[in-house]
């Protein structure tokens, strides 16, 4: 069962981990950090949002807008 699920999911992640998507996610994150320089941030919440956004782009080619 695990191997079957892995075979199904692997092509999506190999295709999704293109340098363009990684670059876009990194730039979005840096842009967000630059906007938040003068206020305290909840790093855990911020990283959750960034993770959801990245997974949406990688796995589903969808902008989660979080």
C-alpha atoms as a PDB file:
ATOM      1  CA  UNK A   1       0.000   0.000   0.000  1.00  0.00           C
ATOM      2  CA  UNK A   2       2.762   2.474   0.949  1.00  0.00           C
ATOM      3  CA  UNK A   3       4.721   1.741  -2.219  1.00  0.00           C
ATOM      4  CA  UNK A   4       1.654   2.276  -4.387  1.00  0.00           C
ATOM      5  CA  UNK A   5       0.979   5.663  -2.761  1.00  0.00           C
ATOM      6  CA  UNK A   6       4.595   6.654  -3.179  1.00  0.00           C
ATOM      7  CA  UNK A   7       4.570   5.735  -6.882  1.00  0.00           C
ATOM      8  CA  UNK A   8       1.472   7.871  -7.375  1.00  0.00           C
ATOM      9  CA  UNK A   9       2.833  10.896  -5.489  1.00  0.00           C
ATOM     10  CA  UNK A  10       6.473  10.874  -6.621  1.00  0.00           C
ATOM     11  CA  UNK A  11       6.002  12.271 -10.150  1.00  0.00           C
ATOM     12  CA  UNK A  12       4.041  15.237  -8.817  1.00  0.00           C
ATOM     13  CA  UNK A  13       6.773  16.203  -6.382  1.00  0.00           C
ATOM     14  CA  UNK A  14       9.589  15.676  -8.878  1.00  0.00           C
ATOM     15  CA  UNK A  15       7.839  17.935 -11.367  1.00  0.00           C
ATOM     16  CA  UNK A  16       6.836  20.414  -8.677  1.00  0.00           C
ATOM     17  CA  UNK A  17      10.295  20.926  -7.236  1.00  0.00           C
ATOM     18  CA  UNK A  18      11.392  22.944 -10.213  1.00  0.00           C
ATOM     19  CA  UNK A  19      13.796  25.809  -9.537  1.00  0.00           C
ATOM     20  CA  UNK A  20      11.182  28.314 -10.698  1.00  0.00           C
ATOM     21  CA  UNK A  21       8.673  27.271  -8.048  1.00  0.00           C
ATOM     22  CA  UNK A  22      11.317  27.142  -5.309  1.00  0.00           C
ATOM     23  CA  UNK A  23      12.515  30.619  -6.333  1.00  0.00           C
ATOM     24  CA  UNK A  24       8.965  31.978  -6.368  1.00  0.00           C
ATOM     25  CA  UNK A  25       8.184  30.585  -2.906  1.00  0.00           C
ATOM     26  CA  UNK A  26      11.433  31.935  -1.485  1.00  0.00           C
ATOM     27  CA  UNK A  27      10.798  35.383  -2.973  1.00  0.00           C
ATOM     28  CA  UNK A  28       7.247  35.433  -1.602  1.00  0.00           C
ATOM     29  CA  UNK A  29       8.562  34.551   1.853  1.00  0.00           C
ATOM     30  CA  UNK A  30      11.306  37.181   1.743  1.00  0.00           C
ATOM     31  CA  UNK A  31       8.813  39.791   0.557  1.00  0.00           C
ATOM     32  CA  UNK A  32       6.533  38.950   3.466  1.00  0.00           C
ATOM     33  CA  UNK A  33       9.403  39.179   5.957  1.00  0.00           C
ATOM     34  CA  UNK A  34      10.402  42.565   4.541  1.00  0.00           C
ATOM     35  CA  UNK A  35       6.878  43.864   5.192  1.00  0.00           C
ATOM     36  CA  UNK A  36       6.979  42.676   8.803  1.00  0.00           C
ATOM     37  CA  UNK A  37      10.249  44.273   9.916  1.00  0.00           C
ATOM     38  CA  UNK A  38       8.784  46.682  12.479  1.00  0.00           C
ATOM     39  CA  UNK A  39       6.364  44.393  14.290  1.00  0.00           C
ATOM     40  CA  UNK A  40       6.696  41.216  16.363  1.00  0.00           C
ATOM     41  CA  UNK A  41       5.763  38.093  14.438  1.00  0.00           C
ATOM     42  CA  UNK A  42       4.483  34.666  15.398  1.00  0.00           C
ATOM     43  CA  UNK A  43       7.161  32.619  13.648  1.00  0.00           C
ATOM     44  CA  UNK A  44       5.276  29.335  14.042  1.00  0.00           C
ATOM     45  CA  UNK A  45       2.131  30.714  12.414  1.00  0.00           C
ATOM     46  CA  UNK A  46       4.161  32.370   9.669  1.00  0.00           C
ATOM     47  CA  UNK A  47       5.991  29.139   8.853  1.00  0.00           C
ATOM     48  CA  UNK A  48       2.693  27.232   8.763  1.00  0.00           C
ATOM     49  CA  UNK A  49       1.347  29.705   6.204  1.00  0.00           C
ATOM     50  CA  UNK A  50       4.507  29.503   4.113  1.00  0.00           C
ATOM     51  CA  UNK A  51       4.419  25.694   4.215  1.00  0.00           C
ATOM     52  CA  UNK A  52       0.775  25.551   3.128  1.00  0.00           C
ATOM     53  CA  UNK A  53       1.488  28.004   0.313  1.00  0.00           C
ATOM     54  CA  UNK A  54       4.510  26.006  -0.891  1.00  0.00           C
ATOM     55  CA  UNK A  55       2.643  22.683  -0.765  1.00  0.00           C
ATOM     56  CA  UNK A  56      -0.235  24.193  -2.699  1.00  0.00           C
ATOM     57  CA  UNK A  57       2.129  25.313  -5.443  1.00  0.00           C
ATOM     58  CA  UNK A  58       4.211  22.127  -5.461  1.00  0.00           C
ATOM     59  CA  UNK A  59       1.470  19.528  -5.211  1.00  0.00           C
ATOM     60  CA  UNK A  60      -1.519  21.209  -6.828  1.00  0.00           C
ATOM     61  CA  UNK A  61      -0.139  24.135  -8.880  1.00  0.00           C
ATOM     62  CA  UNK A  62      -2.531  26.300  -6.884  1.00  0.00           C
ATOM     63  CA  UNK A  63      -1.950  29.581  -5.054  1.00  0.00           C
ATOM     64  CA  UNK A  64      -3.432  29.048  -1.582  1.00  0.00           C
ATOM     65  CA  UNK A  65      -3.325  32.810  -0.876  1.00  0.00           C
ATOM     66  CA  UNK A  66      -2.587  32.375   2.811  1.00  0.00           C
END
